[in-house]
């Protein structure tokens, strides 16, 4: 995955996006790479799955959406301010301050 991030090869997008659905994948690592090589459509897929993930994955997803410049990021950050997970709230506050 590190190689894909360095090369920014978008041909890997379908496999990376499928990894978001895998129960065995390290989603945080996949999300980090998607922040470098993803597209707005990738961000849409992340948002669609966001509520099904745990707090650490949600925090990583927020950073990925910021890196992608996703147009729905502010909407999601506002919603995350009400999260029961402190780290998600803190991540949202941090990203709102940037």
Protein backbone atom coordinates (compact mmCIF):
# COMPACT_ATOMS: atom_id res chain seq x y z
CA UNK A 1 0.00 0.00 0.00
CA UNK A 2 2.88 2.35 0.72
CA UNK A 3 4.08 1.87 -2.85
CA UNK A 4 0.64 2.83 -4.19
CA UNK A 5 0.64 5.98 -2.09
CA UNK A 6 4.07 6.99 -3.38
CA UNK A 7 3.28 6.27 -7.03
CA UNK A 8 -0.28 7.65 -6.83
CA UNK A 9 -1.38 4.98 -9.28
CA UNK A 10 -5.14 5.24 -9.71
CA UNK A 11 -5.33 1.86 -11.43
CA UNK A 12 -5.37 0.39 -7.91
CA UNK A 13 -8.56 2.26 -6.92
CA UNK A 14 -10.99 -0.62 -7.57
CA UNK A 15 -8.97 -3.01 -5.38
CA UNK A 16 -8.54 -0.40 -2.65
CA UNK A 17 -12.24 0.45 -2.67
CA UNK A 18 -13.10 -3.26 -2.40
CA UNK A 19 -10.76 -3.49 0.59
CA UNK A 20 -13.00 -0.98 2.39
CA UNK A 21 -15.69 -3.68 2.45
CA UNK A 22 -13.39 -6.44 3.67
CA UNK A 23 -13.64 -7.47 7.30
CA UNK A 24 -9.98 -8.50 7.28
CA UNK A 25 -8.48 -5.36 5.73
CA UNK A 26 -6.78 -2.69 7.78
CA UNK A 27 -9.23 0.00 6.75
CA UNK A 28 -7.23 2.79 8.37
CA UNK A 29 -4.24 1.95 6.19
CA UNK A 30 -6.43 1.64 3.08
CA UNK A 31 -8.08 4.98 3.90
CA UNK A 32 -4.68 6.64 4.23
CA UNK A 33 -3.72 5.47 0.74
CA UNK A 34 -7.10 6.48 -0.68
CA UNK A 35 -6.48 9.98 0.64
CA UNK A 36 -3.58 10.18 -1.80
CA UNK A 37 -4.93 8.33 -4.85
CA UNK A 38 -8.72 8.59 -4.45
CA UNK A 39 -11.29 10.65 -6.30
CA UNK A 40 -14.53 12.35 -5.33
CA UNK A 41 -16.33 9.11 -6.21
CA UNK A 42 -14.05 7.33 -3.73
CA UNK A 43 -15.13 9.85 -1.12
CA UNK A 44 -18.77 9.12 -1.90
CA UNK A 45 -18.12 5.42 -1.22
CA UNK A 46 -16.39 6.26 2.06
CA UNK A 47 -19.33 8.40 3.17
CA UNK A 48 -21.77 5.63 2.26
CA UNK A 49 -19.94 3.19 4.58
CA UNK A 50 -18.94 5.69 7.28
CA UNK A 51 -21.66 4.82 9.82
CA UNK A 52 -20.83 1.11 9.69
CA UNK A 53 -17.24 1.61 10.88
CA UNK A 54 -15.74 1.92 14.34
CA UNK A 55 -14.46 5.16 15.80
CA UNK A 56 -10.84 4.79 14.66
CA UNK A 57 -11.88 4.04 11.11
CA UNK A 58 -14.28 6.98 11.14
CA UNK A 59 -11.48 9.29 12.29
CA UNK A 60 -9.26 8.04 9.47
CA UNK A 61 -12.12 8.48 7.00
CA UNK A 62 -12.53 12.13 7.99
CA UNK A 63 -8.86 12.80 7.27
CA UNK A 64 -9.15 10.97 3.94
CA UNK A 65 -12.16 13.06 2.93
CA UNK A 66 -10.25 16.23 3.80
CA UNK A 67 -7.28 15.13 1.69
CA UNK A 68 -9.67 14.45 -1.18
CA UNK A 69 -11.30 17.87 -0.75
CA UNK A 70 -14.68 16.16 -0.70
CA UNK A 71 -17.58 18.62 -0.97
CA UNK A 72 -19.64 16.85 1.73
CA UNK A 73 -16.87 16.90 4.34
CA UNK A 74 -18.26 19.89 6.28
CA UNK A 75 -21.68 18.26 6.48
CA UNK A 76 -20.13 15.07 7.87
CA UNK A 77 -17.88 16.98 10.30
CA UNK A 78 -20.91 18.80 11.72
CA UNK A 79 -22.65 15.47 12.24
CA UNK A 80 -19.53 14.00 13.87
CA UNK A 81 -19.61 16.69 16.55
CA UNK A 82 -22.52 14.71 18.01
CA UNK A 83 -20.65 11.39 17.94
CA UNK A 84 -20.53 9.35 21.16
CA UNK A 85 -16.85 8.64 20.38
CA UNK A 86 -14.45 11.22 21.77
CA UNK A 87 -11.77 10.60 19.17
CA UNK A 88 -14.25 11.18 16.32
CA UNK A 89 -15.40 14.44 17.92
CA UNK A 90 -11.79 15.56 18.44
CA UNK A 91 -10.89 14.71 14.85
CA UNK A 92 -13.89 16.68 13.59
CA UNK A 93 -12.97 19.69 15.73
CA UNK A 94 -9.37 19.51 14.53
CA UNK A 95 -10.40 19.39 10.87
CA UNK A 96 -12.89 22.21 11.32
CA UNK A 97 -10.04 24.34 12.64
CA UNK A 98 -7.94 23.81 9.50
